[in-house]
Amino acid sequence: MRKLIVSTFLTLDGVMQAPGGPEEDDSGGFAHGGWSVNYWDDLMGEVKSEEFNVPFDMLLGRRSYEILGAYWPNAPEDAGGKPLNDATKYVCSRSHPSLDWTPALLLEGDAAEGVAALKENDDGPELQVHGSGNLAQTLIHYGLVDEYRLWVFPLVLGSGKRLFADGTIPAGLKLIDSKVSTTGVFMGTYEPAGEVVTGSFG
């Protein structure tokens, strides 16, 4: 079975919307686009390069596909976009977007069913989800995520799209790797760890 990884930048209060630039996603009147940019350091670049240094395909919602596809095909070579441009992009959408950022395939119909079928294919590389908040929430809801790579930045925004939004099913996570950048970004890798176990100090 193919491994499915959700890789996301988050603020301390869980916002994942538009980390890379002011025009990335201003839906809902979001005014803080580009909040992650000034925290970047060499270690973060190394960790991200390692993530893209293995065979992978991408699993994206329509909006994230269009945002990334507007930038990476024309990005400078030293920006590191070759692995993203070379990866097969599976796009989950009920509409029929123009798939100009190739190679790309449309997953029509029910996203959870389509992704579950895709995971069953043992012949492909791991599936990485970048951005795509609505899609990620669907995958989380149906228990399709095998690993989370969550980079938590030291700021709060108070509003914006969140990875773990209201209605997320309670679940435990196990930390399997962590690093901290010189700018205070916590890079944690987690695996699902079953149901939440409660207790009492009393």
N, C-alpha and C. Protein backbone atom coordinates (compact mmCIF):
# COMPACT_ATOMS: atom_id res chain seq x y z
N MET A 1 0.84 -1.20 0.00
CA MET A 1 0.00 0.00 0.00
C MET A 1 0.88 1.25 0.00
N ARG A 2 0.47 2.26 -0.75
CA ARG A 2 1.25 3.49 -0.83
C ARG A 2 1.03 4.33 0.43
N LYS A 3 2.12 4.92 0.90
CA LYS A 3 2.07 5.76 2.10
C LYS A 3 1.56 7.15 1.73
N LEU A 4 0.66 7.69 2.56
CA LEU A 4 0.09 9.02 2.32
C LEU A 4 0.55 9.96 3.42
N ILE A 5 1.19 11.06 3.03
CA ILE A 5 1.80 11.99 3.96
C ILE A 5 1.18 13.38 3.78
N VAL A 6 0.70 13.96 4.87
CA VAL A 6 0.23 15.35 4.86
C VAL A 6 1.37 16.24 5.37
N SER A 7 1.83 17.14 4.53
CA SER A 7 2.95 18.03 4.86
C SER A 7 2.44 19.47 4.85
N THR A 8 2.48 20.12 6.03
CA THR A 8 1.80 21.40 6.16
C THR A 8 2.55 22.36 7.07
N PHE A 9 2.52 23.66 6.72
CA PHE A 9 2.99 24.72 7.59
C PHE A 9 1.81 25.22 8.43
N LEU A 10 2.03 25.40 9.73
CA LEU A 10 0.97 25.84 10.64
C LEU A 10 1.48 26.95 11.54
N THR A 11 0.57 27.85 11.94
CA THR A 11 0.87 28.78 13.02
C THR A 11 0.61 28.09 14.35
N LEU A 12 0.98 28.71 15.45
CA LEU A 12 0.73 28.11 16.76
C LEU A 12 -0.75 27.91 17.03
N ASP A 13 -1.60 28.74 16.43
CA ASP A 13 -3.04 28.54 16.61
C ASP A 13 -3.66 27.76 15.45
N GLY A 14 -2.82 27.04 14.72
CA GLY A 14 -3.31 26.05 13.77
C GLY A 14 -3.67 26.52 12.38
N VAL A 15 -3.40 27.79 12.05
CA VAL A 15 -3.74 28.32 10.73
C VAL A 15 -2.75 27.81 9.68
N MET A 16 -3.29 27.36 8.55
CA MET A 16 -2.44 26.87 7.46
C MET A 16 -2.60 27.69 6.18
N GLN A 17 -3.44 28.69 6.21
CA GLN A 17 -3.80 29.42 4.99
C GLN A 17 -2.68 30.34 4.50
N ALA A 18 -2.37 30.23 3.23
CA ALA A 18 -1.49 31.16 2.51
C ALA A 18 -0.17 31.45 3.21
N PRO A 19 0.64 30.42 3.51
CA PRO A 19 1.92 30.69 4.16
C PRO A 19 2.95 31.32 3.23
N GLY A 20 2.76 31.17 1.91
CA GLY A 20 3.84 31.53 0.99
C GLY A 20 3.78 32.88 0.32
N GLY A 21 2.67 33.61 0.45
CA GLY A 21 2.61 34.90 -0.22
C GLY A 21 1.26 35.57 -0.09
N PRO A 22 1.20 36.90 -0.21
CA PRO A 22 -0.05 37.65 -0.04
C PRO A 22 -1.16 37.26 -1.01
N GLU A 23 -0.80 36.86 -2.23
CA GLU A 23 -1.82 36.51 -3.23
C GLU A 23 -2.14 35.02 -3.26
N GLU A 24 -1.53 34.25 -2.39
CA GLU A 24 -1.68 32.80 -2.44
C GLU A 24 -3.14 32.37 -2.21
N ASP A 25 -3.76 32.91 -1.17
CA ASP A 25 -5.16 32.58 -0.87
C ASP A 25 -5.71 33.62 0.10
N ASP A 26 -6.43 34.60 -0.45
CA ASP A 26 -6.98 35.65 0.41
C ASP A 26 -8.48 35.45 0.65
N SER A 27 -8.98 34.23 0.41
CA SER A 27 -10.40 33.95 0.62
C SER A 27 -10.77 34.19 2.08
N GLY A 28 -12.01 34.64 2.28
CA GLY A 28 -12.47 34.95 3.63
C GLY A 28 -11.88 36.24 4.17
N GLY A 29 -11.28 37.05 3.29
CA GLY A 29 -10.66 38.30 3.72
C GLY A 29 -9.34 38.10 4.45
N PHE A 30 -8.68 36.95 4.24
CA PHE A 30 -7.42 36.67 4.93
C PHE A 30 -6.34 37.66 4.50
N ALA A 31 -5.75 38.34 5.49
CA ALA A 31 -4.83 39.45 5.19
C ALA A 31 -3.39 39.19 5.60
N HIS A 32 -3.06 37.93 5.92
CA HIS A 32 -1.72 37.65 6.45
C HIS A 32 -0.91 36.72 5.54
N GLY A 33 -1.29 36.66 4.27
CA GLY A 33 -0.58 35.78 3.35
C GLY A 33 0.92 36.05 3.32
N GLY A 34 1.71 34.98 3.36
CA GLY A 34 3.16 35.10 3.37
C GLY A 34 3.76 35.06 4.76
N TRP A 35 2.98 34.59 5.75
CA TRP A 35 3.43 34.63 7.15
C TRP A 35 4.62 33.72 7.46
N SER A 36 4.91 32.74 6.61
CA SER A 36 6.01 31.82 6.92
C SER A 36 7.36 32.28 6.38
N VAL A 37 7.36 33.20 5.44
CA VAL A 37 8.55 33.48 4.63
C VAL A 37 9.74 33.93 5.46
N ASN A 38 9.55 34.84 6.41
CA ASN A 38 10.67 35.42 7.13
C ASN A 38 11.26 34.51 8.21
N TYR A 39 10.70 33.32 8.36
CA TYR A 39 11.24 32.37 9.35
C TYR A 39 12.19 31.35 8.73
N TRP A 40 12.36 31.39 7.42
CA TRP A 40 13.11 30.33 6.74
C TRP A 40 14.60 30.40 7.08
N ASP A 41 15.21 29.24 7.34
CA ASP A 41 16.66 29.18 7.55
C ASP A 41 17.23 27.98 6.79
N ASP A 42 18.55 27.77 6.90
CA ASP A 42 19.22 26.72 6.13
C ASP A 42 18.72 25.33 6.51
N LEU A 43 18.49 25.09 7.81
CA LEU A 43 18.03 23.76 8.24
C LEU A 43 16.67 23.43 7.61
N MET A 44 15.78 24.40 7.56
CA MET A 44 14.48 24.16 6.96
C MET A 44 14.63 23.80 5.48
N GLY A 45 15.53 24.48 4.80
CA GLY A 45 15.79 24.15 3.40
C GLY A 45 16.32 22.74 3.24
N GLU A 46 17.21 22.33 4.15
CA GLU A 46 17.77 20.97 4.08
C GLU A 46 16.69 19.91 4.32
N VAL A 47 15.84 20.15 5.32
CA VAL A 47 14.79 19.18 5.64
C VAL A 47 13.81 19.07 4.47
N LYS A 48 13.43 20.19 3.88
CA LYS A 48 12.50 20.17 2.76
C LYS A 48 13.14 19.49 1.55
N SER A 49 14.44 19.70 1.33
CA SER A 49 15.13 19.03 0.22
C SER A 49 15.13 17.52 0.41
N GLU A 50 15.31 17.07 1.66
CA GLU A 50 15.28 15.64 1.94
C GLU A 50 13.89 15.06 1.65
N GLU A 51 12.87 15.83 1.97
CA GLU A 51 11.50 15.38 1.72
C GLU A 51 11.25 15.16 0.23
N PHE A 52 11.87 16.03 -0.60
CA PHE A 52 11.66 15.94 -2.04
C PHE A 52 12.71 15.08 -2.73
N ASN A 53 13.61 14.48 -1.95
CA ASN A 53 14.72 13.72 -2.52
C ASN A 53 14.41 12.23 -2.62
N VAL A 54 13.15 11.87 -2.39
CA VAL A 54 12.71 10.48 -2.54
C VAL A 54 11.63 10.47 -3.62
N PRO A 55 11.39 9.33 -4.26
CA PRO A 55 10.30 9.28 -5.25
C PRO A 55 8.96 9.59 -4.59
N PHE A 56 8.18 10.47 -5.19
CA PHE A 56 6.87 10.80 -4.63
C PHE A 56 5.95 11.30 -5.73
N ASP A 57 4.66 11.13 -5.50
CA ASP A 57 3.63 11.78 -6.28
C ASP A 57 2.92 12.76 -5.36
N MET A 58 2.18 13.69 -5.95
CA MET A 58 1.47 14.69 -5.16
C MET A 58 -0.03 14.48 -5.26
N LEU A 59 -0.71 14.74 -4.15
CA LEU A 59 -2.16 14.65 -4.08
C LEU A 59 -2.65 16.03 -3.67
N LEU A 60 -3.43 16.69 -4.53
CA LEU A 60 -3.78 18.09 -4.33
C LEU A 60 -5.26 18.34 -4.59
N GLY A 61 -5.81 19.30 -3.86
CA GLY A 61 -7.11 19.85 -4.21
C GLY A 61 -6.93 20.80 -5.38
N ARG A 62 -8.05 21.17 -6.00
CA ARG A 62 -7.98 22.01 -7.19
C ARG A 62 -7.28 23.34 -6.93
N ARG A 63 -7.64 24.02 -5.84
CA ARG A 63 -7.08 25.34 -5.59
C ARG A 63 -5.57 25.28 -5.35
N SER A 64 -5.12 24.32 -4.55
CA SER A 64 -3.68 24.20 -4.30
C SER A 64 -2.94 23.82 -5.57
N TYR A 65 -3.55 22.97 -6.39
CA TYR A 65 -2.92 22.63 -7.67
C TYR A 65 -2.72 23.88 -8.52
N GLU A 66 -3.73 24.74 -8.56
CA GLU A 66 -3.63 25.94 -9.38
C GLU A 66 -2.63 26.93 -8.81
N ILE A 67 -2.58 27.05 -7.47
CA ILE A 67 -1.63 27.98 -6.84
C ILE A 67 -0.20 27.52 -7.09
N LEU A 68 0.07 26.25 -6.82
CA LEU A 68 1.43 25.73 -7.01
C LEU A 68 1.80 25.69 -8.49
N GLY A 69 0.82 25.35 -9.32
CA GLY A 69 1.08 25.26 -10.75
C GLY A 69 1.33 26.60 -11.41
N ALA A 70 0.88 27.67 -10.76
CA ALA A 70 1.14 29.01 -11.31
C ALA A 70 2.56 29.47 -11.02
N TYR A 71 3.21 28.83 -10.04
CA TYR A 71 4.55 29.28 -9.64
C TYR A 71 5.66 28.34 -10.11
N TRP A 72 5.55 27.06 -9.76
CA TRP A 72 6.70 26.17 -9.91
C TRP A 72 7.18 25.91 -11.33
N PRO A 73 6.32 25.80 -12.32
CA PRO A 73 6.85 25.56 -13.67
C PRO A 73 7.76 26.66 -14.18
N ASN A 74 7.58 27.88 -13.65
CA ASN A 74 8.39 29.02 -14.11
C ASN A 74 9.40 29.49 -13.07
N ALA A 75 9.54 28.75 -11.99
CA ALA A 75 10.45 29.16 -10.92
C ALA A 75 11.91 28.98 -11.36
N PRO A 76 12.83 29.77 -10.80
CA PRO A 76 14.24 29.59 -11.12
C PRO A 76 14.71 28.18 -10.76
N GLU A 77 15.66 27.65 -11.52
CA GLU A 77 16.14 26.29 -11.28
C GLU A 77 16.66 26.12 -9.86
N ASP A 78 17.33 27.14 -9.32
CA ASP A 78 17.90 27.01 -7.99
C ASP A 78 16.86 27.11 -6.88
N ALA A 79 15.59 27.33 -7.25
CA ALA A 79 14.52 27.36 -6.25
C ALA A 79 14.12 25.95 -5.81
N GLY A 80 14.57 24.94 -6.56
CA GLY A 80 14.34 23.55 -6.14
C GLY A 80 13.02 22.97 -6.59
N GLY A 81 12.46 23.48 -7.68
CA GLY A 81 11.14 23.01 -8.09
C GLY A 81 11.13 21.75 -8.95
N LYS A 82 12.30 21.26 -9.38
CA LYS A 82 12.32 20.12 -10.30
C LYS A 82 11.57 18.90 -9.77
N PRO A 83 11.76 18.49 -8.50
CA PRO A 83 11.00 17.32 -8.01
C PRO A 83 9.50 17.53 -8.07
N LEU A 84 9.03 18.76 -7.78
CA LEU A 84 7.61 19.04 -7.83
C LEU A 84 7.10 19.02 -9.27
N ASN A 85 7.87 19.58 -10.17
CA ASN A 85 7.46 19.59 -11.57
C ASN A 85 7.46 18.19 -12.17
N ASP A 86 8.38 17.34 -11.74
CA ASP A 86 8.49 15.99 -12.28
C ASP A 86 7.45 15.04 -11.69
N ALA A 87 6.99 15.31 -10.47
CA ALA A 87 6.06 14.40 -9.79
C ALA A 87 4.71 14.37 -10.50
N THR A 88 4.06 13.21 -10.48
CA THR A 88 2.69 13.13 -10.97
C THR A 88 1.77 13.80 -9.96
N LYS A 89 0.93 14.72 -10.44
CA LYS A 89 -0.01 15.43 -9.58
C LYS A 89 -1.40 14.82 -9.74
N TYR A 90 -1.93 14.22 -8.67
CA TYR A 90 -3.30 13.72 -8.67
C TYR A 90 -4.19 14.82 -8.09
N VAL A 91 -5.13 15.29 -8.87
CA VAL A 91 -5.95 16.43 -8.49
C VAL A 91 -7.37 15.95 -8.16
N CYS A 92 -7.78 16.18 -6.91
CA CYS A 92 -9.13 15.82 -6.49
C CYS A 92 -10.06 17.01 -6.72
N SER A 93 -11.00 16.86 -7.61
CA SER A 93 -11.91 17.96 -7.93
C SER A 93 -13.16 17.42 -8.58
N ARG A 94 -14.30 18.03 -8.20
CA ARG A 94 -15.56 17.68 -8.85
C ARG A 94 -15.76 18.49 -10.13
N SER A 95 -14.96 19.53 -10.29
CA SER A 95 -14.98 20.29 -11.54
C SER A 95 -13.94 19.68 -12.48
N HIS A 96 -13.75 20.30 -13.60
CA HIS A 96 -12.78 19.80 -14.57
C HIS A 96 -11.74 20.88 -14.86
N PRO A 97 -10.79 21.08 -13.92
CA PRO A 97 -9.78 22.12 -14.11
C PRO A 97 -8.85 21.77 -15.27
N SER A 98 -8.28 22.81 -15.83
CA SER A 98 -7.29 22.61 -16.87
C SER A 98 -5.99 22.12 -16.24
N LEU A 99 -5.56 20.94 -16.61
CA LEU A 99 -4.38 20.34 -15.97
C LEU A 99 -3.13 20.68 -16.75
N ASP A 100 -2.76 21.95 -16.71
CA ASP A 100 -1.61 22.42 -17.48
C ASP A 100 -0.28 22.08 -16.81
N TRP A 101 -0.27 21.94 -15.50
CA TRP A 101 0.97 21.59 -14.79
C TRP A 101 1.09 20.08 -14.81
N THR A 102 1.85 19.59 -15.74
CA THR A 102 1.94 18.15 -15.97
C THR A 102 3.21 17.56 -15.35
N PRO A 103 3.24 16.21 -15.18
CA PRO A 103 2.15 15.26 -15.43
C PRO A 103 1.07 15.37 -14.35
N ALA A 104 -0.18 15.28 -14.77
CA ALA A 104 -1.29 15.43 -13.84
C ALA A 104 -2.46 14.55 -14.27
N LEU A 105 -3.18 14.03 -13.27
CA LEU A 105 -4.35 13.20 -13.50
C LEU A 105 -5.47 13.67 -12.59
N LEU A 106 -6.69 13.69 -13.10
CA LEU A 106 -7.84 14.11 -12.33
C LEU A 106 -8.48 12.92 -11.62
N LEU A 107 -8.71 13.07 -10.31
CA LEU A 107 -9.46 12.07 -9.55
C LEU A 107 -10.88 12.62 -9.39
N GLU A 108 -11.79 12.13 -10.19
CA GLU A 108 -13.16 12.62 -10.16
C GLU A 108 -13.98 11.86 -9.11
N GLY A 109 -15.15 12.41 -8.81
CA GLY A 109 -16.05 11.72 -7.90
C GLY A 109 -15.65 11.89 -6.45
N ASP A 110 -15.99 10.90 -5.63
CA ASP A 110 -15.73 10.97 -4.20
C ASP A 110 -14.23 10.92 -3.92
N ALA A 111 -13.71 11.97 -3.24
CA ALA A 111 -12.27 12.07 -3.02
C ALA A 111 -11.75 10.93 -2.17
N ALA A 112 -12.46 10.59 -1.09
CA ALA A 112 -11.99 9.54 -0.19
C ALA A 112 -11.90 8.20 -0.91
N GLU A 113 -12.90 7.88 -1.71
CA GLU A 113 -12.88 6.62 -2.45
C GLU A 113 -11.74 6.59 -3.47
N GLY A 114 -11.56 7.71 -4.17
CA GLY A 114 -10.51 7.78 -5.16
C GLY A 114 -9.12 7.64 -4.56
N VAL A 115 -8.91 8.31 -3.43
CA VAL A 115 -7.61 8.25 -2.77
C VAL A 115 -7.37 6.86 -2.17
N ALA A 116 -8.40 6.27 -1.58
CA ALA A 116 -8.26 4.92 -1.03
C ALA A 116 -7.84 3.93 -2.11
N ALA A 117 -8.44 4.05 -3.29
CA ALA A 117 -8.08 3.17 -4.40
C ALA A 117 -6.65 3.43 -4.86
N LEU A 118 -6.26 4.70 -4.86
CA LEU A 118 -4.91 5.06 -5.26
C LEU A 118 -3.88 4.49 -4.29
N LYS A 119 -4.20 4.53 -2.99
CA LYS A 119 -3.29 3.99 -1.98
C LYS A 119 -3.11 2.48 -2.12
N GLU A 120 -4.13 1.79 -2.60
CA GLU A 120 -4.07 0.33 -2.72
C GLU A 120 -3.06 -0.11 -3.77
N ASN A 121 -2.69 0.80 -4.67
CA ASN A 121 -1.74 0.48 -5.73
C ASN A 121 -0.33 0.40 -5.15
N ASP A 122 0.25 -0.78 -5.14
CA ASP A 122 1.58 -0.98 -4.55
C ASP A 122 2.71 -0.54 -5.47
N ASP A 123 2.40 -0.18 -6.70
CA ASP A 123 3.45 0.09 -7.68
C ASP A 123 3.96 1.53 -7.64
N GLY A 124 3.25 2.43 -6.97
CA GLY A 124 3.63 3.84 -7.02
C GLY A 124 4.42 4.28 -5.80
N PRO A 125 5.02 5.46 -5.87
CA PRO A 125 5.76 6.02 -4.73
C PRO A 125 4.81 6.62 -3.70
N GLU A 126 5.37 7.17 -2.62
CA GLU A 126 4.54 7.76 -1.58
C GLU A 126 3.75 8.94 -2.15
N LEU A 127 2.63 9.23 -1.51
CA LEU A 127 1.75 10.33 -1.91
C LEU A 127 1.89 11.46 -0.91
N GLN A 128 2.30 12.64 -1.37
CA GLN A 128 2.48 13.79 -0.50
C GLN A 128 1.37 14.81 -0.75
N VAL A 129 0.73 15.26 0.33
CA VAL A 129 -0.30 16.29 0.26
C VAL A 129 0.32 17.59 0.77
N HIS A 130 0.32 18.62 -0.05
CA HIS A 130 0.85 19.93 0.33
C HIS A 130 -0.27 20.95 0.24
N GLY A 131 -0.46 21.73 1.33
CA GLY A 131 -1.60 22.65 1.35
C GLY A 131 -2.89 21.86 1.32
N SER A 132 -3.82 22.26 0.43
CA SER A 132 -5.04 21.46 0.20
C SER A 132 -5.80 21.17 1.48
N GLY A 133 -6.15 22.22 2.23
CA GLY A 133 -6.78 22.07 3.53
C GLY A 133 -8.07 21.26 3.52
N ASN A 134 -8.97 21.55 2.58
CA ASN A 134 -10.23 20.81 2.52
C ASN A 134 -10.00 19.34 2.22
N LEU A 135 -9.11 19.07 1.27
CA LEU A 135 -8.79 17.68 0.94
C LEU A 135 -8.17 16.98 2.14
N ALA A 136 -7.23 17.64 2.82
CA ALA A 136 -6.56 17.04 3.98
C ALA A 136 -7.58 16.68 5.05
N GLN A 137 -8.56 17.55 5.29
CA GLN A 137 -9.57 17.26 6.30
C GLN A 137 -10.40 16.05 5.92
N THR A 138 -10.69 15.89 4.64
CA THR A 138 -11.40 14.70 4.18
C THR A 138 -10.56 13.44 4.41
N LEU A 139 -9.28 13.51 4.09
CA LEU A 139 -8.40 12.35 4.27
C LEU A 139 -8.25 12.00 5.74
N ILE A 140 -8.17 13.03 6.60
CA ILE A 140 -8.09 12.80 8.04
C ILE A 140 -9.37 12.13 8.54
N HIS A 141 -10.51 12.64 8.10
CA HIS A 141 -11.81 12.12 8.53
C HIS A 141 -11.96 10.63 8.22
N TYR A 142 -11.45 10.21 7.07
CA TYR A 142 -11.60 8.81 6.65
C TYR A 142 -10.40 7.94 7.01
N GLY A 143 -9.49 8.47 7.83
CA GLY A 143 -8.37 7.66 8.31
C GLY A 143 -7.39 7.24 7.23
N LEU A 144 -7.19 8.09 6.24
CA LEU A 144 -6.32 7.74 5.11
C LEU A 144 -4.89 8.28 5.25
N VAL A 145 -4.62 9.04 6.29
CA VAL A 145 -3.30 9.66 6.46
C VAL A 145 -2.39 8.72 7.26
N ASP A 146 -1.21 8.44 6.72
CA ASP A 146 -0.24 7.56 7.39
C ASP A 146 0.81 8.34 8.16
N GLU A 147 1.03 9.60 7.78
CA GLU A 147 2.08 10.38 8.44
C GLU A 147 1.77 11.87 8.27
N TYR A 148 2.07 12.63 9.31
CA TYR A 148 1.95 14.10 9.27
C TYR A 148 3.34 14.71 9.42
N ARG A 149 3.66 15.64 8.55
CA ARG A 149 4.89 16.45 8.70
C ARG A 149 4.42 17.87 8.93
N LEU A 150 4.39 18.26 10.18
CA LEU A 150 3.81 19.54 10.58
C LEU A 150 4.90 20.49 11.05
N TRP A 151 5.02 21.61 10.38
CA TRP A 151 5.98 22.65 10.77
C TRP A 151 5.20 23.75 11.46
N VAL A 152 5.46 23.93 12.74
CA VAL A 152 4.71 24.89 13.54
C VAL A 152 5.57 26.15 13.74
N PHE A 153 5.06 27.27 13.24
CA PHE A 153 5.78 28.53 13.26
C PHE A 153 5.39 29.34 14.50
N PRO A 154 6.33 30.08 15.07
CA PRO A 154 6.05 30.79 16.33
C PRO A 154 5.31 32.11 16.14
N LEU A 155 4.07 32.01 15.72
CA LEU A 155 3.20 33.18 15.62
C LEU A 155 1.76 32.71 15.66
N VAL A 156 0.87 33.63 16.00
CA VAL A 156 -0.57 33.36 15.99
C VAL A 156 -1.25 34.38 15.09
N LEU A 157 -2.30 33.96 14.41
CA LEU A 157 -3.01 34.86 13.49
C LEU A 157 -4.46 35.09 13.87
N GLY A 158 -5.04 34.19 14.62
CA GLY A 158 -6.39 34.41 15.11
C GLY A 158 -7.51 34.06 14.16
N SER A 159 -7.21 33.97 12.87
CA SER A 159 -8.23 33.59 11.90
C SER A 159 -7.55 32.98 10.69
N GLY A 160 -8.33 32.27 9.89
CA GLY A 160 -7.80 31.62 8.70
C GLY A 160 -8.13 30.14 8.70
N LYS A 161 -7.90 29.50 7.58
CA LYS A 161 -8.18 28.07 7.44
C LYS A 161 -7.23 27.25 8.31
N ARG A 162 -7.80 26.26 8.98
CA ARG A 162 -7.01 25.42 9.88
C ARG A 162 -6.98 23.98 9.39
N LEU A 163 -5.85 23.32 9.62
CA LEU A 163 -5.73 21.91 9.23
C LEU A 163 -6.70 21.06 10.05
N PHE A 164 -6.67 21.21 11.36
CA PHE A 164 -7.57 20.46 12.24
C PHE A 164 -8.71 21.39 12.63
N ALA A 165 -9.70 21.49 11.75
CA ALA A 165 -10.81 22.41 11.95
C ALA A 165 -11.86 21.78 12.84
N ASP A 166 -12.89 22.57 13.17
CA ASP A 166 -14.01 22.05 13.95
C ASP A 166 -14.57 20.82 13.25
N GLY A 167 -14.85 19.78 14.04
CA GLY A 167 -15.38 18.55 13.47
C GLY A 167 -14.33 17.48 13.23
N THR A 168 -13.04 17.82 13.45
CA THR A 168 -12.00 16.80 13.33
C THR A 168 -12.25 15.68 14.34
N ILE A 169 -12.13 14.44 13.91
CA ILE A 169 -12.34 13.30 14.79
C ILE A 169 -11.17 13.21 15.78
N PRO A 170 -11.43 13.15 17.08
CA PRO A 170 -10.34 13.05 18.06
C PRO A 170 -9.47 11.82 17.81
N ALA A 171 -8.16 12.01 17.90
CA ALA A 171 -7.22 10.91 17.64
C ALA A 171 -5.88 11.23 18.27
N GLY A 172 -5.16 10.20 18.66
CA GLY A 172 -3.80 10.37 19.18
C GLY A 172 -2.78 10.37 18.05
N LEU A 173 -1.66 11.04 18.30
CA LEU A 173 -0.55 11.05 17.36
C LEU A 173 0.73 10.68 18.10
N LYS A 174 1.66 10.05 17.40
CA LYS A 174 2.96 9.68 17.98
C LYS A 174 4.06 10.45 17.26
N LEU A 175 4.86 11.21 18.01
CA LEU A 175 5.98 11.95 17.43
C LEU A 175 7.11 10.97 17.12
N ILE A 176 7.54 10.92 15.85
CA ILE A 176 8.60 9.99 15.47
C ILE A 176 9.89 10.69 15.04
N ASP A 177 9.82 12.02 14.84
CA ASP A 177 11.03 12.77 14.52
C ASP A 177 10.75 14.25 14.75
N SER A 178 11.79 14.98 15.16
CA SER A 178 11.60 16.42 15.35
C SER A 178 12.91 17.17 15.18
N LYS A 179 12.79 18.39 14.71
CA LYS A 179 13.90 19.32 14.59
C LYS A 179 13.37 20.72 14.88
N VAL A 180 14.26 21.64 15.26
CA VAL A 180 13.86 23.02 15.51
C VAL A 180 14.80 23.94 14.75
N SER A 181 14.25 24.86 13.98
CA SER A 181 15.07 25.79 13.21
C SER A 181 15.64 26.86 14.13
N THR A 182 16.59 27.62 13.59
CA THR A 182 17.17 28.72 14.36
C THR A 182 16.16 29.83 14.61
N THR A 183 15.06 29.81 13.86
CA THR A 183 14.03 30.84 14.00
C THR A 183 12.85 30.37 14.84
N GLY A 184 12.97 29.17 15.44
CA GLY A 184 11.94 28.69 16.34
C GLY A 184 10.83 27.89 15.69
N VAL A 185 11.04 27.45 14.47
CA VAL A 185 10.04 26.61 13.80
C VAL A 185 10.24 25.16 14.24
N PHE A 186 9.18 24.56 14.79
CA PHE A 186 9.23 23.16 15.23
C PHE A 186 8.77 22.28 14.07
N MET A 187 9.67 21.39 13.63
CA MET A 187 9.37 20.49 12.52
C MET A 187 9.13 19.09 13.08
N GLY A 188 7.88 18.72 13.24
CA GLY A 188 7.54 17.45 13.83
C GLY A 188 6.96 16.49 12.82
N THR A 189 7.37 15.22 12.92
CA THR A 189 6.81 14.16 12.09
C THR A 189 6.04 13.22 13.00
N TYR A 190 4.79 12.96 12.65
CA TYR A 190 3.89 12.20 13.51
C TYR A 190 3.25 11.05 12.74
N GLU A 191 2.90 9.99 13.48
CA GLU A 191 2.09 8.91 12.94
C GLU A 191 0.80 8.81 13.75
N PRO A 192 -0.30 8.39 13.11
CA PRO A 192 -1.53 8.16 13.87
C PRO A 192 -1.29 7.12 14.97
N ALA A 193 -1.89 7.34 16.13
CA ALA A 193 -1.66 6.46 17.27
C ALA A 193 -2.96 6.02 17.94
N GLY A 194 -4.01 5.89 17.15
CA GLY A 194 -5.25 5.35 17.67
C GLY A 194 -6.10 6.39 18.39
N GLU A 195 -7.03 5.90 19.18
CA GLU A 195 -7.99 6.76 19.86
C GLU A 195 -7.31 7.53 20.99
N VAL A 196 -7.95 8.64 21.37
CA VAL A 196 -7.48 9.43 22.49
C VAL A 196 -7.67 8.65 23.78
N VAL A 197 -6.62 8.58 24.60
CA VAL A 197 -6.69 7.88 25.89
C VAL A 197 -6.74 8.95 26.98
N THR A 198 -7.80 8.96 27.75
CA THR A 198 -7.93 9.95 28.82
C THR A 198 -7.56 9.35 30.17
N GLY A 199 -7.36 10.21 31.16
CA GLY A 199 -7.00 9.76 32.50
C GLY A 199 -7.26 10.87 33.49
N SER A 200 -6.73 10.71 34.68
CA SER A 200 -6.94 11.71 35.73
C SER A 200 -5.71 11.74 36.62
N PHE A 201 -5.30 12.94 37.02
CA PHE A 201 -4.22 13.08 37.98
C PHE A 201 -4.71 12.96 39.41
N GLY A 202 -6.03 12.87 39.57
CA GLY A 202 -6.59 12.80 40.90
C GLY A 202 -6.55 11.41 41.50
